[in-house]
Amino acid sequence: RLVEYAFATPWALKSFDGREKSLLRATGSGVAPESVLYRPKNHYPATHHPDYNRGLQNMARDALATAQVRALADETRIKPCLDTPPDQLEWGHRLRLERVVDLALWLDHYQPELAL
């Protein structure tokens, strides 16, 4: 639901100072170092190896086995990503799976109490 809220936020608010991620930077002000908040955008390289995709699909399946992740993730959008053969997984599908795994890791690390 937090992700839905973030996606629904108008672009003008997300970039109120003329840069991308303005809202995120403002939220992190005083929490994260300035060097992190204002560093240039950095695209990381991605692998296209089917073994990575297969491992990612397995990790996402494991993540979706937990009640908290299931409560927060839209399984109808994730299932096609899990059913696609690893060597045919598109970039957008990989991104969804990576976010599910990220969510599971974050929940496991911080152990928040969710009021759903």
Protein backbone atom coordinates (compact mmCIF):
# COMPACT_ATOMS: atom_id res chain seq x y z
CA ARG A 1 0.00 0.00 0.00
CA LEU A 2 2.90 2.31 0.66
CA VAL A 3 4.18 1.57 -2.83
CA GLU A 4 0.74 2.29 -4.29
CA TYR A 5 0.73 5.60 -2.43
CA ALA A 6 4.20 6.47 -3.72
CA PHE A 7 3.22 5.63 -7.30
CA ALA A 8 0.06 7.74 -6.97
CA THR A 9 1.99 10.79 -5.79
CA PRO A 10 1.89 13.49 -8.50
CA TRP A 11 5.13 14.03 -10.40
CA ALA A 12 5.12 17.72 -9.45
CA LEU A 13 5.45 16.70 -5.80
CA LYS A 14 8.07 14.05 -6.54
CA SER A 15 10.21 16.63 -8.35
CA PHE A 16 9.29 19.85 -6.56
CA ASP A 17 12.86 21.20 -6.67
CA GLY A 18 13.38 20.41 -10.35
CA ARG A 19 15.19 17.11 -9.75
CA GLU A 20 13.95 13.56 -9.73
CA LYS A 21 13.33 12.03 -6.29
CA SER A 22 12.81 15.41 -4.56
CA LEU A 23 10.23 13.96 -2.18
CA LEU A 24 12.51 11.06 -1.29
CA ARG A 25 15.44 13.40 -0.68
CA ALA A 26 13.32 15.70 1.49
CA THR A 27 12.07 12.72 3.48
CA GLY A 28 15.62 11.48 4.03
CA SER A 29 16.96 14.88 5.03
CA GLY A 30 18.48 14.68 8.49
CA VAL A 31 18.44 10.89 8.32
CA ALA A 32 20.76 10.05 5.43
CA PRO A 33 24.03 11.87 4.75
CA GLU A 34 23.90 14.70 2.20
CA SER A 35 26.45 12.80 0.09
CA VAL A 36 23.92 9.99 -0.28
CA LEU A 37 20.88 12.20 -0.79
CA TYR A 38 22.42 14.28 -3.55
CA ARG A 39 24.72 11.86 -5.31
CA PRO A 40 24.26 11.53 -9.07
CA LYS A 41 21.95 8.86 -10.34
CA ASN A 42 23.89 5.67 -11.02
CA HIS A 43 22.58 2.87 -13.20
CA TYR A 44 23.93 -0.50 -12.22
CA PRO A 45 24.70 -3.19 -14.76
CA ALA A 46 22.27 -6.06 -15.08
CA THR A 47 22.99 -9.65 -15.92
CA HIS A 48 20.88 -11.46 -18.48
CA HIS A 49 21.98 -14.93 -17.47
CA PRO A 50 19.12 -17.44 -17.09
CA ASP A 51 20.66 -18.78 -13.86
CA TYR A 52 20.24 -15.35 -12.26
CA ASN A 53 16.62 -15.25 -13.40
CA ARG A 54 15.99 -18.77 -12.11
CA GLY A 55 17.50 -17.93 -8.73
CA LEU A 56 15.51 -14.71 -8.60
CA GLN A 57 12.29 -16.57 -9.33
CA ASN A 58 13.06 -19.07 -6.57
CA MET A 59 13.82 -16.30 -4.08
CA ALA A 60 10.59 -14.50 -5.01
CA ARG A 61 8.60 -17.73 -4.53
CA ASP A 62 10.16 -18.12 -1.08
CA ALA A 63 9.36 -14.48 -0.29
CA LEU A 64 5.74 -14.91 -1.32
CA ALA A 65 5.47 -17.86 1.05
CA THR A 66 5.51 -15.36 3.93
CA ALA A 67 2.26 -13.75 5.05
CA GLN A 68 3.68 -10.23 5.26
CA VAL A 69 4.99 -10.22 1.70
CA ARG A 70 1.75 -11.73 0.41
CA ALA A 71 -0.18 -8.98 2.19
CA LEU A 72 1.89 -6.26 0.51
CA ALA A 73 2.60 -7.69 -2.94
CA ASP A 74 0.13 -7.98 -5.79
CA GLU A 75 0.41 -11.69 -6.55
CA THR A 76 -1.61 -11.33 -9.75
CA ARG A 77 1.20 -9.17 -11.15
CA ILE A 78 3.96 -11.39 -9.77
CA LYS A 79 2.63 -14.79 -10.87
CA PRO A 80 3.32 -14.25 -14.60
CA CYS A 81 6.90 -13.38 -13.68
CA LEU A 82 7.23 -16.66 -11.82
CA ASP A 83 5.64 -18.69 -14.63
CA THR A 84 7.84 -17.30 -17.41
CA PRO A 85 10.81 -19.51 -18.36
CA PRO A 86 14.00 -17.96 -16.92
CA ASP A 87 15.58 -17.45 -20.35
CA GLN A 88 12.51 -15.47 -21.49
CA LEU A 89 12.10 -13.23 -18.46
CA GLU A 90 11.67 -9.61 -19.54
CA TRP A 91 13.29 -6.65 -17.79
CA GLY A 92 10.02 -5.50 -16.21
CA HIS A 93 9.32 -8.96 -14.84
CA ARG A 94 12.79 -9.14 -13.33
CA LEU A 95 12.28 -5.76 -11.74
CA ARG A 96 9.05 -6.92 -10.10
CA LEU A 97 10.71 -10.05 -8.77
CA GLU A 98 13.67 -8.07 -7.45
CA ARG A 99 11.31 -5.73 -5.59
CA VAL A 100 9.51 -8.70 -4.01
CA VAL A 101 12.84 -10.09 -2.83
CA ASP A 102 13.92 -6.63 -1.61
CA LEU A 103 10.66 -6.31 0.32
CA ALA A 104 11.13 -9.71 1.96
CA LEU A 105 14.70 -8.88 2.95
CA TRP A 106 13.64 -5.51 4.36
CA LEU A 107 10.79 -7.04 6.35
CA ASP A 108 13.08 -9.74 7.68
CA HIS A 109 15.77 -7.26 8.67
CA TYR A 110 13.60 -4.58 10.29
CA GLN A 111 10.77 -6.77 11.59
CA PRO A 112 8.10 -4.03 11.40
CA GLU A 113 4.66 -4.58 12.87
CA LEU A 114 2.22 -4.11 10.04
CA ALA A 115 -1.33 -2.95 10.60
CA LEU A 116 -3.09 -4.21 7.50
